[in-house]
All heavy atoms as atom14 arrays in JSON, in Angstrom:
{
  "sequence": "GILTELALEGETGLTESLVIGAGVNVSQTPEDFGPEVAAIATSLAQ",
  "atom14_mask": [
    [1, 1, 1, 1, 0, 0, 0, 0, 0, 0, 0, 0, 0, 0],
    [1, 1, 1, 1, 1, 1, 1, 1, 0, 0, 0, 0, 0, 0],
    [1, 1, 1, 1, 1, 1, 1, 1, 0, 0, 0, 0, 0, 0],
    [1, 1, 1, 1, 1, 1, 1, 0, 0, 0, 0, 0, 0, 0],
    [1, 1, 1, 1, 1, 1, 1, 1, 1, 0, 0, 0, 0, 0],
    [1, 1, 1, 1, 1, 1, 1, 1, 0, 0, 0, 0, 0, 0],
    [1, 1, 1, 1, 1, 0, 0, 0, 0, 0, 0, 0, 0, 0],
    [1, 1, 1, 1, 1, 1, 1, 1, 0, 0, 0, 0, 0, 0],
    [1, 1, 1, 1, 1, 1, 1, 1, 1, 0, 0, 0, 0, 0],
    [1, 1, 1, 1, 0, 0, 0, 0, 0, 0, 0, 0, 0, 0],
    [1, 1, 1, 1, 1, 1, 1, 1, 1, 0, 0, 0, 0, 0],
    [1, 1, 1, 1, 1, 1, 1, 0, 0, 0, 0, 0, 0, 0],
    [1, 1, 1, 1, 0, 0, 0, 0, 0, 0, 0, 0, 0, 0],
    [1, 1, 1, 1, 1, 1, 1, 1, 0, 0, 0, 0, 0, 0],
    [1, 1, 1, 1, 1, 1, 1, 0, 0, 0, 0, 0, 0, 0],
    [1, 1, 1, 1, 1, 1, 1, 1, 1, 0, 0, 0, 0, 0],
    [1, 1, 1, 1, 1, 1, 0, 0, 0, 0, 0, 0, 0, 0],
    [1, 1, 1, 1, 1, 1, 1, 1, 0, 0, 0, 0, 0, 0],
    [1, 1, 1, 1, 1, 1, 1, 0, 0, 0, 0, 0, 0, 0],
    [1, 1, 1, 1, 1, 1, 1, 1, 0, 0, 0, 0, 0, 0],
    [1, 1, 1, 1, 0, 0, 0, 0, 0, 0, 0, 0, 0, 0],
    [1, 1, 1, 1, 1, 0, 0, 0, 0, 0, 0, 0, 0, 0],
    [1, 1, 1, 1, 0, 0, 0, 0, 0, 0, 0, 0, 0, 0],
    [1, 1, 1, 1, 1, 1, 1, 0, 0, 0, 0, 0, 0, 0],
    [1, 1, 1, 1, 1, 1, 1, 1, 0, 0, 0, 0, 0, 0],
    [1, 1, 1, 1, 1, 1, 1, 0, 0, 0, 0, 0, 0, 0],
    [1, 1, 1, 1, 1, 1, 0, 0, 0, 0, 0, 0, 0, 0],
    [1, 1, 1, 1, 1, 1, 1, 1, 1, 0, 0, 0, 0, 0],
    [1, 1, 1, 1, 1, 1, 1, 0, 0, 0, 0, 0, 0, 0],
    [1, 1, 1, 1, 1, 1, 1, 0, 0, 0, 0, 0, 0, 0],
    [1, 1, 1, 1, 1, 1, 1, 1, 1, 0, 0, 0, 0, 0],
    [1, 1, 1, 1, 1, 1, 1, 1, 0, 0, 0, 0, 0, 0],
    [1, 1, 1, 1, 1, 1, 1, 1, 1, 1, 1, 0, 0, 0],
    [1, 1, 1, 1, 0, 0, 0, 0, 0, 0, 0, 0, 0, 0],
    [1, 1, 1, 1, 1, 1, 1, 0, 0, 0, 0, 0, 0, 0],
    [1, 1, 1, 1, 1, 1, 1, 1, 1, 0, 0, 0, 0, 0],
    [1, 1, 1, 1, 1, 1, 1, 0, 0, 0, 0, 0, 0, 0],
    [1, 1, 1, 1, 1, 0, 0, 0, 0, 0, 0, 0, 0, 0],
    [1, 1, 1, 1, 1, 0, 0, 0, 0, 0, 0, 0, 0, 0],
    [1, 1, 1, 1, 1, 1, 1, 1, 0, 0, 0, 0, 0, 0],
    [1, 1, 1, 1, 1, 0, 0, 0, 0, 0, 0, 0, 0, 0],
    [1, 1, 1, 1, 1, 1, 1, 0, 0, 0, 0, 0, 0, 0],
    [1, 1, 1, 1, 1, 1, 0, 0, 0, 0, 0, 0, 0, 0],
    [1, 1, 1, 1, 1, 1, 1, 1, 0, 0, 0, 0, 0, 0],
    [1, 1, 1, 1, 1, 0, 0, 0, 0, 0, 0, 0, 0, 0],
    [1, 1, 1, 1, 1, 1, 1, 1, 1, 0, 0, 0, 0, 0]
  ],
  "atom14_positions": [
    [[100.62, 109.53, 115.43], [101.82, 110.31, 115.7], [101.46, 111.77, 115.9], [100.48, 112.26, 115.34], [0.0, 0.0, 0.0], [0.0, 0.0, 0.0], [0.0, 0.0, 0.0], [0.0, 0.0, 0.0], [0.0, 0.0, 0.0], [0.0, 0.0, 0.0], [0.0, 0.0, 0.0], [0.0, 0.0, 0.0], [0.0, 0.0, 0.0], [0.0, 0.0, 0.0]],
    [[102.23, 112.46, 116.73], [101.97, 113.86, 117.06], [103.25, 114.66, 116.85], [104.35, 114.21, 117.19], [101.49, 114.01, 118.52], [100.13, 113.32, 118.7], [101.4, 115.47, 118.93], [99.71, 113.16, 120.14], [0.0, 0.0, 0.0], [0.0, 0.0, 0.0], [0.0, 0.0, 0.0], [0.0, 0.0, 0.0], [0.0, 0.0, 0.0], [0.0, 0.0, 0.0]],
    [[103.09, 115.85, 116.27], [104.24, 116.73, 116.03], [103.87, 118.14, 116.45], [102.87, 118.69, 115.99], [104.63, 116.72, 114.54], [105.78, 117.63, 114.14], [107.08, 117.18, 114.82], [105.95, 117.66, 112.63], [0.0, 0.0, 0.0], [0.0, 0.0, 0.0], [0.0, 0.0, 0.0], [0.0, 0.0, 0.0], [0.0, 0.0, 0.0], [0.0, 0.0, 0.0]],
    [[104.67, 118.73, 117.35], [104.46, 120.13, 117.76], [105.66, 120.95, 117.3], [106.81, 120.52, 117.46], [104.28, 120.25, 119.28], [105.42, 119.69, 119.93], [103.05, 119.52, 119.74], [0.0, 0.0, 0.0], [0.0, 0.0, 0.0], [0.0, 0.0, 0.0], [0.0, 0.0, 0.0], [0.0, 0.0, 0.0], [0.0, 0.0, 0.0], [0.0, 0.0, 0.0]],
    [[105.37, 122.12, 116.76], [106.43, 123.0, 116.27], [106.11, 124.44, 116.67], [104.98, 124.88, 116.49], [106.55, 122.9, 114.75], [106.92, 121.5, 114.26], [106.99, 121.42, 112.76], [105.92, 121.41, 112.12], [108.11, 121.37, 112.22], [0.0, 0.0, 0.0], [0.0, 0.0, 0.0], [0.0, 0.0, 0.0], [0.0, 0.0, 0.0], [0.0, 0.0, 0.0]],
    [[107.11, 125.15, 117.2], [106.85, 126.53, 117.59], [107.83, 127.47, 116.92], [108.94, 127.09, 116.55], [106.84, 126.69, 119.11], [108.11, 126.38, 119.93], [109.06, 127.56, 119.93], [107.71, 126.06, 121.36], [0.0, 0.0, 0.0], [0.0, 0.0, 0.0], [0.0, 0.0, 0.0], [0.0, 0.0, 0.0], [0.0, 0.0, 0.0], [0.0, 0.0, 0.0]],
    [[107.4, 128.72, 116.78], [108.24, 129.78, 116.25], [108.25, 130.92, 117.26], [107.23, 131.21, 117.9], [107.71, 130.26, 114.9], [0.0, 0.0, 0.0], [0.0, 0.0, 0.0], [0.0, 0.0, 0.0], [0.0, 0.0, 0.0], [0.0, 0.0, 0.0], [0.0, 0.0, 0.0], [0.0, 0.0, 0.0], [0.0, 0.0, 0.0], [0.0, 0.0, 0.0]],
    [[109.41, 131.58, 117.4], [109.57, 132.63, 118.4], [109.63, 134.01, 117.76], [110.08, 134.17, 116.63], [110.85, 132.39, 119.21], [110.98, 131.05, 119.93], [112.29, 130.99, 120.7], [109.8, 130.82, 120.86], [0.0, 0.0, 0.0], [0.0, 0.0, 0.0], [0.0, 0.0, 0.0], [0.0, 0.0, 0.0], [0.0, 0.0, 0.0], [0.0, 0.0, 0.0]],
    [[109.18, 135.01, 118.52], [109.33, 136.39, 118.1], [110.79, 136.8, 118.29], [111.4, 136.52, 119.32], [108.44, 137.31, 118.93], [106.95, 137.07, 118.73], [106.1, 137.93, 119.65], [106.68, 138.52, 120.59], [104.88, 138.01, 119.43], [0.0, 0.0, 0.0], [0.0, 0.0, 0.0], [0.0, 0.0, 0.0], [0.0, 0.0, 0.0], [0.0, 0.0, 0.0]],
    [[111.34, 137.47, 117.29], [112.75, 137.83, 117.35], [113.07, 138.82, 118.46], [114.11, 138.7, 119.12], [0.0, 0.0, 0.0], [0.0, 0.0, 0.0], [0.0, 0.0, 0.0], [0.0, 0.0, 0.0], [0.0, 0.0, 0.0], [0.0, 0.0, 0.0], [0.0, 0.0, 0.0], [0.0, 0.0, 0.0], [0.0, 0.0, 0.0], [0.0, 0.0, 0.0]],
    [[112.2, 139.78, 118.71], [112.51, 140.83, 119.67], [112.26, 140.4, 121.11], [113.07, 140.66, 122.0], [111.68, 142.08, 119.35], [112.06, 142.75, 118.04], [111.3, 144.05, 117.82], [110.52, 144.43, 118.72], [111.49, 144.67, 116.76], [0.0, 0.0, 0.0], [0.0, 0.0, 0.0], [0.0, 0.0, 0.0], [0.0, 0.0, 0.0], [0.0, 0.0, 0.0]],
    [[111.14, 139.74, 121.36], [110.76, 139.42, 122.74], [111.2, 138.03, 123.19], [111.3, 137.77, 124.38], [109.23, 139.52, 122.92], [108.6, 138.49, 122.13], [108.72, 140.88, 122.45], [0.0, 0.0, 0.0], [0.0, 0.0, 0.0], [0.0, 0.0, 0.0], [0.0, 0.0, 0.0], [0.0, 0.0, 0.0], [0.0, 0.0, 0.0], [0.0, 0.0, 0.0]],
    [[111.42, 137.14, 122.23], [111.73, 135.76, 122.59], [110.51, 134.96, 123.01], [110.62, 133.79, 123.39], [0.0, 0.0, 0.0], [0.0, 0.0, 0.0], [0.0, 0.0, 0.0], [0.0, 0.0, 0.0], [0.0, 0.0, 0.0], [0.0, 0.0, 0.0], [0.0, 0.0, 0.0], [0.0, 0.0, 0.0], [0.0, 0.0, 0.0], [0.0, 0.0, 0.0]],
    [[109.33, 135.58, 122.94], [108.09, 134.88, 123.26], [107.61, 134.07, 122.05], [108.07, 134.27, 120.93], [107.01, 135.88, 123.7], [107.31, 136.67, 124.97], [106.18, 137.63, 125.26], [107.55, 135.74, 126.16], [0.0, 0.0, 0.0], [0.0, 0.0, 0.0], [0.0, 0.0, 0.0], [0.0, 0.0, 0.0], [0.0, 0.0, 0.0], [0.0, 0.0, 0.0]],
    [[106.66, 133.19, 122.29], [106.17, 132.32, 121.22], [105.3, 133.11, 120.26], [104.32, 133.73, 120.65], [105.36, 131.16, 121.82], [106.18, 130.45, 122.75], [104.91, 130.21, 120.72], [0.0, 0.0, 0.0], [0.0, 0.0, 0.0], [0.0, 0.0, 0.0], [0.0, 0.0, 0.0], [0.0, 0.0, 0.0], [0.0, 0.0, 0.0], [0.0, 0.0, 0.0]],
    [[105.67, 133.06, 118.99], [104.87, 133.67, 117.94], [103.75, 132.74, 117.5], [102.63, 133.16, 117.26], [105.77, 134.01, 116.75], [105.06, 134.42, 115.47], [104.33, 135.75, 115.6], [104.72, 136.55, 116.48], [103.37, 135.98, 114.86], [0.0, 0.0, 0.0], [0.0, 0.0, 0.0], [0.0, 0.0, 0.0], [0.0, 0.0, 0.0], [0.0, 0.0, 0.0]],
    [[104.08, 131.45, 117.38], [103.06, 130.49, 116.96], [103.44, 129.1, 117.46], [104.62, 128.78, 117.62], [102.9, 130.46, 115.44], [104.1, 129.98, 114.82], [0.0, 0.0, 0.0], [0.0, 0.0, 0.0], [0.0, 0.0, 0.0], [0.0, 0.0, 0.0], [0.0, 0.0, 0.0], [0.0, 0.0, 0.0], [0.0, 0.0, 0.0], [0.0, 0.0, 0.0]],
    [[102.43, 128.3, 117.72], [102.59, 126.9, 118.1], [101.66, 126.09, 117.22], [100.44, 126.31, 117.23], [102.24, 126.68, 119.57], [102.21, 125.23, 120.06], [103.61, 124.62, 120.03], [101.63, 125.14, 121.47], [0.0, 0.0, 0.0], [0.0, 0.0, 0.0], [0.0, 0.0, 0.0], [0.0, 0.0, 0.0], [0.0, 0.0, 0.0], [0.0, 0.0, 0.0]],
    [[102.22, 125.19, 116.43], [101.42, 124.34, 115.55], [101.46, 122.92, 116.11], [102.54, 122.34, 116.3], [101.95, 124.35, 114.1], [101.16, 123.37, 113.23], [101.86, 125.76, 113.52], [0.0, 0.0, 0.0], [0.0, 0.0, 0.0], [0.0, 0.0, 0.0], [0.0, 0.0, 0.0], [0.0, 0.0, 0.0], [0.0, 0.0, 0.0], [0.0, 0.0, 0.0]],
    [[100.28, 122.39, 116.39], [100.16, 121.01, 116.9], [99.48, 120.17, 115.83], [98.37, 120.49, 115.4], [99.34, 120.96, 118.2], [99.99, 121.84, 119.27], [99.22, 119.52, 118.7], [99.22, 121.87, 120.58], [0.0, 0.0, 0.0], [0.0, 0.0, 0.0], [0.0, 0.0, 0.0], [0.0, 0.0, 0.0], [0.0, 0.0, 0.0], [0.0, 0.0, 0.0]],
    [[100.15, 119.12, 115.4], [99.6, 118.24, 114.37], [99.5, 116.81, 114.84], [100.28, 116.37, 115.68], [0.0, 0.0, 0.0], [0.0, 0.0, 0.0], [0.0, 0.0, 0.0], [0.0, 0.0, 0.0], [0.0, 0.0, 0.0], [0.0, 0.0, 0.0], [0.0, 0.0, 0.0], [0.0, 0.0, 0.0], [0.0, 0.0, 0.0], [0.0, 0.0, 0.0]],
    [[98.53, 116.09, 114.29], [98.37, 114.68, 114.64], [97.81, 113.93, 113.44], [97.0, 114.47, 112.67], [97.42, 114.51, 115.83], [0.0, 0.0, 0.0], [0.0, 0.0, 0.0], [0.0, 0.0, 0.0], [0.0, 0.0, 0.0], [0.0, 0.0, 0.0], [0.0, 0.0, 0.0], [0.0, 0.0, 0.0], [0.0, 0.0, 0.0], [0.0, 0.0, 0.0]],
    [[98.26, 112.71, 113.28], [97.72, 111.84, 112.25], [97.26, 110.54, 112.88], [98.06, 109.84, 113.52], [0.0, 0.0, 0.0], [0.0, 0.0, 0.0], [0.0, 0.0, 0.0], [0.0, 0.0, 0.0], [0.0, 0.0, 0.0], [0.0, 0.0, 0.0], [0.0, 0.0, 0.0], [0.0, 0.0, 0.0], [0.0, 0.0, 0.0], [0.0, 0.0, 0.0]],
    [[95.97, 110.23, 112.75], [95.4, 109.02, 113.34], [95.06, 108.04, 112.22], [94.39, 108.41, 111.25], [94.14, 109.33, 114.16], [93.55, 108.04, 114.73], [94.45, 110.3, 115.29], [0.0, 0.0, 0.0], [0.0, 0.0, 0.0], [0.0, 0.0, 0.0], [0.0, 0.0, 0.0], [0.0, 0.0, 0.0], [0.0, 0.0, 0.0], [0.0, 0.0, 0.0]],
    [[95.51, 106.81, 112.36], [95.17, 105.76, 111.4], [93.75, 105.29, 111.68], [93.47, 104.77, 112.77], [96.15, 104.59, 111.52], [97.58, 105.0, 111.26], [97.84, 105.88, 110.45], [98.52, 104.37, 111.96], [0.0, 0.0, 0.0], [0.0, 0.0, 0.0], [0.0, 0.0, 0.0], [0.0, 0.0, 0.0], [0.0, 0.0, 0.0], [0.0, 0.0, 0.0]],
    [[92.87, 105.45, 110.71], [91.46, 105.13, 110.92], [91.06, 103.83, 110.25], [90.52, 102.94, 110.89], [90.56, 106.29, 110.43], [89.09, 105.9, 110.53], [90.82, 107.55, 111.25], [0.0, 0.0, 0.0], [0.0, 0.0, 0.0], [0.0, 0.0, 0.0], [0.0, 0.0, 0.0], [0.0, 0.0, 0.0], [0.0, 0.0, 0.0], [0.0, 0.0, 0.0]],
    [[91.29, 103.71, 108.95], [90.79, 102.51, 108.25], [91.86, 101.78, 107.45], [91.55, 100.97, 106.59], [89.64, 102.9, 107.31], [90.07, 103.84, 106.34], [0.0, 0.0, 0.0], [0.0, 0.0, 0.0], [0.0, 0.0, 0.0], [0.0, 0.0, 0.0], [0.0, 0.0, 0.0], [0.0, 0.0, 0.0], [0.0, 0.0, 0.0], [0.0, 0.0, 0.0]],
    [[93.13, 102.04, 107.74], [94.2, 101.36, 107.03], [94.16, 99.84, 107.28], [93.82, 99.39, 108.37], [95.57, 101.9, 107.43], [95.92, 103.26, 106.89], [95.54, 104.38, 107.81], [94.63, 104.24, 108.63], [96.23, 105.51, 107.72], [0.0, 0.0, 0.0], [0.0, 0.0, 0.0], [0.0, 0.0, 0.0], [0.0, 0.0, 0.0], [0.0, 0.0, 0.0]],
    [[94.56, 99.1, 106.26], [94.78, 97.66, 106.38], [96.29, 97.43, 106.37], [97.06, 98.33, 106.04], [94.14, 96.93, 105.19], [94.82, 97.32, 103.98], [92.66, 97.27, 105.06], [0.0, 0.0, 0.0], [0.0, 0.0, 0.0], [0.0, 0.0, 0.0], [0.0, 0.0, 0.0], [0.0, 0.0, 0.0], [0.0, 0.0, 0.0], [0.0, 0.0, 0.0]],
    [[96.74, 96.23, 106.69], [98.18, 95.95, 106.62], [98.76, 96.26, 105.24], [99.91, 96.7, 105.12], [98.27, 94.46, 106.96], [97.09, 94.23, 107.86], [96.0, 95.1, 107.31], [0.0, 0.0, 0.0], [0.0, 0.0, 0.0], [0.0, 0.0, 0.0], [0.0, 0.0, 0.0], [0.0, 0.0, 0.0], [0.0, 0.0, 0.0], [0.0, 0.0, 0.0]],
    [[97.96, 96.05, 104.2], [98.43, 96.32, 102.83], [98.68, 97.8, 102.62], [99.58, 98.2, 101.86], [97.42, 95.79, 101.82], [97.32, 94.28, 101.73], [96.64, 93.66, 102.94], [95.79, 94.34, 103.57], [96.97, 92.5, 103.28], [0.0, 0.0, 0.0], [0.0, 0.0, 0.0], [0.0, 0.0, 0.0], [0.0, 0.0, 0.0], [0.0, 0.0, 0.0]],
    [[97.88, 98.66, 103.27], [98.08, 100.1, 103.15], [99.4, 100.54, 103.78], [100.04, 101.49, 103.31], [96.93, 100.86, 103.82], [95.61, 100.69, 103.1], [95.59, 100.8, 101.87], [94.59, 100.45, 103.78], [0.0, 0.0, 0.0], [0.0, 0.0, 0.0], [0.0, 0.0, 0.0], [0.0, 0.0, 0.0], [0.0, 0.0, 0.0], [0.0, 0.0, 0.0]],
    [[99.82, 99.86, 104.84], [101.05, 100.24, 105.52], [102.29, 99.72, 104.81], [103.35, 100.33, 104.87], [101.05, 99.68, 106.95], [100.07, 100.34, 107.88], [99.11, 99.59, 108.54], [100.09, 101.71, 108.1], [98.21, 100.19, 109.4], [99.19, 102.32, 108.96], [98.25, 101.55, 109.62], [0.0, 0.0, 0.0], [0.0, 0.0, 0.0], [0.0, 0.0, 0.0]],
    [[102.18, 98.56, 104.15], [103.37, 97.91, 103.63], [103.95, 96.99, 104.68], [103.69, 97.14, 105.87], [0.0, 0.0, 0.0], [0.0, 0.0, 0.0], [0.0, 0.0, 0.0], [0.0, 0.0, 0.0], [0.0, 0.0, 0.0], [0.0, 0.0, 0.0], [0.0, 0.0, 0.0], [0.0, 0.0, 0.0], [0.0, 0.0, 0.0], [0.0, 0.0, 0.0]],
    [[104.76, 96.0, 104.26], [105.22, 94.96, 105.18], [106.01, 95.47, 106.37], [105.86, 94.97, 107.49], [106.06, 94.03, 104.28], [106.38, 94.86, 103.07], [105.25, 95.79, 102.89], [0.0, 0.0, 0.0], [0.0, 0.0, 0.0], [0.0, 0.0, 0.0], [0.0, 0.0, 0.0], [0.0, 0.0, 0.0], [0.0, 0.0, 0.0], [0.0, 0.0, 0.0]],
    [[106.88, 96.45, 106.19], [107.72, 96.91, 107.29], [106.9, 97.69, 108.32], [107.01, 97.45, 109.53], [108.87, 97.77, 106.76], [109.9, 96.98, 105.96], [111.09, 97.84, 105.59], [111.15, 99.02, 106.02], [111.96, 97.35, 104.85], [0.0, 0.0, 0.0], [0.0, 0.0, 0.0], [0.0, 0.0, 0.0], [0.0, 0.0, 0.0], [0.0, 0.0, 0.0]],
    [[106.09, 98.63, 107.85], [105.31, 99.46, 108.76], [104.18, 98.65, 109.41], [103.84, 98.87, 110.57], [104.75, 100.69, 108.03], [103.87, 101.53, 108.96], [105.89, 101.54, 107.48], [0.0, 0.0, 0.0], [0.0, 0.0, 0.0], [0.0, 0.0, 0.0], [0.0, 0.0, 0.0], [0.0, 0.0, 0.0], [0.0, 0.0, 0.0], [0.0, 0.0, 0.0]],
    [[103.61, 97.69, 108.66], [102.5, 96.9, 109.18], [102.88, 96.13, 110.44], [102.02, 95.83, 111.28], [102.0, 95.94, 108.11], [0.0, 0.0, 0.0], [0.0, 0.0, 0.0], [0.0, 0.0, 0.0], [0.0, 0.0, 0.0], [0.0, 0.0, 0.0], [0.0, 0.0, 0.0], [0.0, 0.0, 0.0], [0.0, 0.0, 0.0], [0.0, 0.0, 0.0]],
    [[104.15, 95.84, 110.61], [104.6, 95.1, 111.79], [104.51, 95.93, 113.06], [104.43, 95.39, 114.16], [106.04, 94.62, 111.58], [0.0, 0.0, 0.0], [0.0, 0.0, 0.0], [0.0, 0.0, 0.0], [0.0, 0.0, 0.0], [0.0, 0.0, 0.0], [0.0, 0.0, 0.0], [0.0, 0.0, 0.0], [0.0, 0.0, 0.0], [0.0, 0.0, 0.0]],
    [[104.49, 97.27, 112.92], [104.49, 98.12, 114.11], [103.31, 99.08, 114.17], [103.15, 99.79, 115.16], [105.8, 98.94, 114.2], [105.91, 99.91, 113.02], [107.01, 98.02, 114.28], [107.07, 100.89, 113.16], [0.0, 0.0, 0.0], [0.0, 0.0, 0.0], [0.0, 0.0, 0.0], [0.0, 0.0, 0.0], [0.0, 0.0, 0.0], [0.0, 0.0, 0.0]],
    [[102.48, 99.13, 113.12], [101.39, 100.11, 113.07], [100.04, 99.41, 112.95], [99.94, 98.26, 112.5], [101.57, 101.07, 111.9], [0.0, 0.0, 0.0], [0.0, 0.0, 0.0], [0.0, 0.0, 0.0], [0.0, 0.0, 0.0], [0.0, 0.0, 0.0], [0.0, 0.0, 0.0], [0.0, 0.0, 0.0], [0.0, 0.0, 0.0], [0.0, 0.0, 0.0]],
    [[98.99, 100.11, 113.35], [97.64, 99.58, 113.23], [96.67, 100.74, 112.98], [97.08, 101.9, 112.94], [97.23, 98.81, 114.5], [96.03, 98.1, 114.26], [97.03, 99.74, 115.69], [0.0, 0.0, 0.0], [0.0, 0.0, 0.0], [0.0, 0.0, 0.0], [0.0, 0.0, 0.0], [0.0, 0.0, 0.0], [0.0, 0.0, 0.0], [0.0, 0.0, 0.0]],
    [[95.4, 100.42, 112.79], [94.37, 101.43, 112.61], [93.19, 101.09, 113.5], [93.06, 99.95, 113.99], [93.93, 101.49, 111.15], [93.22, 100.31, 110.79], [0.0, 0.0, 0.0], [0.0, 0.0, 0.0], [0.0, 0.0, 0.0], [0.0, 0.0, 0.0], [0.0, 0.0, 0.0], [0.0, 0.0, 0.0], [0.0, 0.0, 0.0], [0.0, 0.0, 0.0]],
    [[92.3, 102.05, 113.69], [91.11, 101.8, 114.51], [90.27, 100.68, 113.91], [89.81, 99.78, 114.63], [90.29, 103.08, 114.63], [90.88, 104.16, 115.54], [90.13, 105.47, 115.38], [90.87, 103.71, 117.0], [0.0, 0.0, 0.0], [0.0, 0.0, 0.0], [0.0, 0.0, 0.0], [0.0, 0.0, 0.0], [0.0, 0.0, 0.0], [0.0, 0.0, 0.0]],
    [[90.06, 100.71, 112.6], [89.24, 99.67, 111.96], [89.89, 98.3, 112.09], [89.22, 97.3, 112.31], [89.02, 100.01, 110.49], [0.0, 0.0, 0.0], [0.0, 0.0, 0.0], [0.0, 0.0, 0.0], [0.0, 0.0, 0.0], [0.0, 0.0, 0.0], [0.0, 0.0, 0.0], [0.0, 0.0, 0.0], [0.0, 0.0, 0.0], [0.0, 0.0, 0.0]],
    [[91.21, 98.27, 111.96], [91.94, 97.0, 112.06], [91.78, 96.37, 113.45], [91.78, 95.15, 113.59], [93.42, 97.26, 111.77], [94.21, 96.01, 111.41], [95.62, 96.37, 110.96], [95.82, 97.35, 110.25], [96.59, 95.57, 111.36], [0.0, 0.0, 0.0], [0.0, 0.0, 0.0], [0.0, 0.0, 0.0], [0.0, 0.0, 0.0], [0.0, 0.0, 0.0]]
  ]
}
């Protein structure tokens, strides 16, 4: 999943900051996700 969030400068309206985040599933097993999430999620190791 990826999440981008930005904040603006009050005076100019230009971007003060842009934060880009990502979470990659690397070694999770179905048990790590739980039954509901395991139906729609996976990991690289899996």
